Amino acid sequence: AILRRKYEQAVEARNFTGTQLIDRNDELCILWEKSNIQEKLLKKGEEAMLARQEEIRGLKIDLSEVYRQLRVVRGSIPEVPKLVEEVVRLREQVGSVRKHTDELSRELENPKSSLRKWRKLKGEDLDSESLRVKIQELEERLNDKKESLLEKELILEEVTALSEKLRNQAID
């Protein structure tokens, strides 16, 4: 009977240890699942952090570009008053030129204007026969000049050919 009792106690202890083992195994599985979930969350967090760091780097580049543009604009600010003065001056010039143009246009459109007056020139027009004679004389002079030009061109060609010949002899 003592053996039986010890046996029953050993079986109970074994069963109790077995259930505790199963419980601990279940707890271990749950902890492994939690660990895996934590690792996935950590990995997603690291990826998100890398993405944010890349975004921050891009924004810093954009910010430096904006600062550069701001420096350029601030550098040109001292020129703005000069440019405003130049624009005002040019607008005044345009206004005065337009006013002058309008005045001249009105003068030209006015039939009694001093700009529209004309005067007869002194001298006489030649009759058609004397014009014909004058044209013939001018044509003869032109032909003589053309002949003279041709002769001079021929002489120039001959002189050029002779000078080339002499130059070639001097070189040899």
Protein backbone atom coordinates (compact mmCIF):
# COMPACT_ATOMS: atom_id res chain seq x y z
CA ALA A 1 0.00 0.00 0.00
CA ILE A 2 2.82 2.39 0.70
CA LEU A 3 4.27 1.59 -2.65
CA ARG A 4 0.98 2.16 -4.27
CA ARG A 5 0.64 5.50 -2.59
CA LYS A 6 4.12 6.51 -3.59
CA TYR A 7 3.31 5.31 -7.07
CA GLU A 8 0.10 7.39 -7.16
CA GLN A 9 1.97 10.39 -5.78
CA ALA A 10 4.67 9.92 -8.41
CA VAL A 11 2.01 9.63 -11.16
CA GLU A 12 0.25 12.74 -9.80
CA ALA A 13 3.56 14.60 -9.62
CA ARG A 14 4.35 13.44 -13.14
CA ASN A 15 0.90 14.53 -14.41
CA PHE A 16 1.21 17.83 -12.57
CA THR A 17 4.70 18.41 -14.04
CA GLY A 18 3.36 17.39 -17.47
CA THR A 19 0.53 19.94 -17.30
CA GLN A 20 3.00 22.54 -16.05
CA LEU A 21 5.28 21.64 -18.96
CA ILE A 22 2.38 21.99 -21.40
CA ASP A 23 1.40 25.31 -19.79
CA ARG A 24 5.00 26.56 -19.95
CA ASN A 25 5.23 25.39 -23.57
CA ASP A 26 2.04 27.31 -24.40
CA GLU A 27 3.43 30.37 -22.63
CA LEU A 28 6.67 29.96 -24.57
CA CYS A 29 4.77 29.80 -27.86
CA ILE A 30 2.85 32.94 -26.93
CA LEU A 31 6.11 34.67 -26.02
CA TRP A 32 7.66 33.58 -29.34
CA GLU A 33 4.66 35.00 -31.20
CA LYS A 34 4.93 38.25 -29.24
CA SER A 35 8.67 38.33 -29.97
CA ASN A 36 8.03 37.82 -33.71
CA ILE A 37 5.38 40.55 -33.67
CA GLN A 38 7.81 42.86 -31.84
CA GLU A 39 10.54 42.08 -34.40
CA LYS A 40 8.16 42.87 -37.28
CA LEU A 41 7.14 46.12 -35.59
CA LEU A 42 10.79 46.96 -34.98
CA LYS A 43 11.65 46.26 -38.63
CA LYS A 44 8.71 48.40 -39.85
CA GLY A 45 9.77 51.14 -37.43
CA GLU A 46 13.35 51.04 -38.71
CA GLU A 47 12.14 51.19 -42.32
CA ALA A 48 9.85 54.11 -41.48
CA MET A 49 12.72 55.80 -39.67
CA LEU A 50 15.02 55.35 -42.70
CA ALA A 51 12.28 56.74 -44.95
CA ARG A 52 11.88 59.75 -42.64
CA GLN A 53 15.64 60.27 -42.53
CA GLU A 54 15.71 60.23 -46.35
CA GLU A 55 12.78 62.64 -46.40
CA ILE A 56 14.58 64.89 -43.90
CA ARG A 57 17.72 64.81 -46.05
CA GLY A 58 15.67 65.83 -49.12
CA LEU A 59 13.97 68.58 -47.16
CA LYS A 60 17.34 69.86 -45.94
CA ILE A 61 18.53 70.02 -49.56
CA ASP A 62 15.34 71.88 -50.50
CA LEU A 63 15.80 74.21 -47.54
CA SER A 64 19.38 74.99 -48.54
CA GLU A 65 18.17 75.75 -52.08
CA VAL A 66 15.50 78.09 -50.70
CA TYR A 67 18.13 79.82 -48.54
CA ARG A 68 20.37 80.18 -51.61
CA GLN A 69 17.52 81.71 -53.61
CA LEU A 70 16.75 83.99 -50.68
CA ARG A 71 20.37 85.19 -50.60
CA VAL A 72 20.22 85.87 -54.34
CA VAL A 73 16.98 87.81 -53.97
CA ARG A 74 18.33 89.74 -50.98
CA GLY A 75 21.44 90.51 -52.99
CA SER A 76 19.33 92.04 -55.75
CA ILE A 77 17.15 94.04 -53.35
CA PRO A 78 19.51 97.05 -53.34
CA GLU A 79 19.02 97.26 -57.10
CA VAL A 80 15.22 97.41 -56.82
CA PRO A 81 14.97 101.18 -56.05
CA LYS A 82 17.30 101.90 -58.99
CA LEU A 83 15.16 99.71 -61.23
CA VAL A 84 11.98 101.41 -60.00
CA GLU A 85 13.51 104.80 -60.81
CA GLU A 86 14.53 103.51 -64.25
CA VAL A 87 10.98 102.23 -64.90
CA VAL A 88 9.49 105.58 -63.84
CA ARG A 89 11.95 107.46 -66.06
CA LEU A 90 11.25 105.20 -69.04
CA ARG A 91 7.49 105.54 -68.56
CA GLU A 92 7.86 109.32 -68.54
CA GLN A 93 9.90 109.13 -71.74
CA VAL A 94 7.31 106.89 -73.37
CA GLY A 95 4.58 109.33 -72.32
CA SER A 96 6.41 112.33 -73.74
CA VAL A 97 7.22 110.50 -76.99
CA ARG A 98 3.57 109.43 -77.35
CA LYS A 99 2.45 113.02 -76.71
CA HIS A 100 4.89 114.31 -79.34
CA THR A 101 3.76 111.60 -81.79
CA ASP A 102 0.10 112.52 -81.21
CA GLU A 103 0.90 116.21 -81.80
CA LEU A 104 2.70 115.41 -85.05
CA SER A 105 -0.16 113.15 -86.17
CA ARG A 106 -2.70 115.93 -85.53
CA GLU A 107 -0.49 118.40 -87.43
CA LEU A 108 -0.28 116.08 -90.41
CA GLU A 109 -4.03 115.46 -90.39
CA ASN A 110 -4.84 119.17 -90.23
CA PRO A 111 -5.17 120.58 -93.76
CA LYS A 112 -4.24 124.09 -92.61
CA SER A 113 -1.10 122.89 -90.86
CA SER A 114 2.26 124.49 -91.56
CA LEU A 115 3.72 121.02 -92.11
CA ARG A 116 1.42 120.45 -95.10
CA LYS A 117 2.46 123.61 -96.95
CA TRP A 118 4.38 123.20 -100.18
CA ARG A 119 6.21 125.58 -102.38
CA LYS A 120 7.03 125.59 -106.02
CA LEU A 121 10.66 125.02 -106.88
CA LYS A 122 12.48 127.35 -109.26
CA GLY A 123 13.62 126.12 -112.59
CA GLU A 124 12.17 124.82 -115.81
CA ASP A 125 11.33 121.39 -117.12
CA LEU A 126 13.07 120.55 -120.36
CA ASP A 127 10.99 119.62 -123.37
CA SER A 128 11.02 116.02 -124.60
CA GLU A 129 13.46 116.63 -127.49
CA SER A 130 16.12 118.21 -125.27
CA LEU A 131 15.58 115.40 -122.72
CA ARG A 132 16.12 112.84 -125.46
CA VAL A 133 19.36 114.58 -126.55
CA LYS A 134 20.59 114.73 -122.95
CA ILE A 135 19.82 111.01 -122.43
CA GLN A 136 21.76 110.16 -125.60
CA GLU A 137 24.76 112.20 -124.45
CA LEU A 138 24.72 110.51 -121.04
CA GLU A 139 24.47 107.06 -122.63
CA GLU A 140 27.48 107.85 -124.87
CA ARG A 141 29.49 109.00 -121.83
CA LEU A 142 28.48 105.83 -120.00
CA ASN A 143 29.60 103.66 -122.91
CA ASP A 144 32.94 105.51 -123.08
CA LYS A 145 33.45 104.92 -119.34
CA LYS A 146 32.62 101.23 -119.77
CA GLU A 147 35.19 100.92 -122.57
CA SER A 148 37.80 102.67 -120.46
CA LEU A 149 37.02 100.35 -117.56
CA LEU A 150 37.40 97.26 -119.75
CA GLU A 151 40.75 98.50 -121.06
CA LYS A 152 41.99 99.13 -117.53
CA GLU A 153 40.82 95.69 -116.42
CA LEU A 154 42.74 94.08 -119.30
CA ILE A 155 45.86 96.06 -118.39
CA LEU A 156 45.42 95.00 -114.74
CA GLU A 157 45.16 91.33 -115.77
CA GLU A 158 48.33 91.62 -117.88
CA VAL A 159 50.26 93.38 -115.10
CA THR A 160 49.06 90.79 -112.57
CA ALA A 161 50.14 87.92 -114.82
CA LEU A 162 53.57 89.53 -115.38
CA SER A 163 54.05 90.20 -111.66
CA GLU A 164 53.13 86.58 -110.88
CA LYS A 165 55.65 85.43 -113.48
CA LEU A 166 58.37 87.68 -111.97
CA ARG A 167 57.50 86.54 -108.43
CA ASN A 168 57.79 82.90 -109.47
CA GLN A 169 61.17 83.60 -111.12
CA ALA A 170 62.36 85.41 -107.97
CA ILE A 171 61.33 82.45 -105.84
CA ASP A 172 63.19 79.99 -108.10
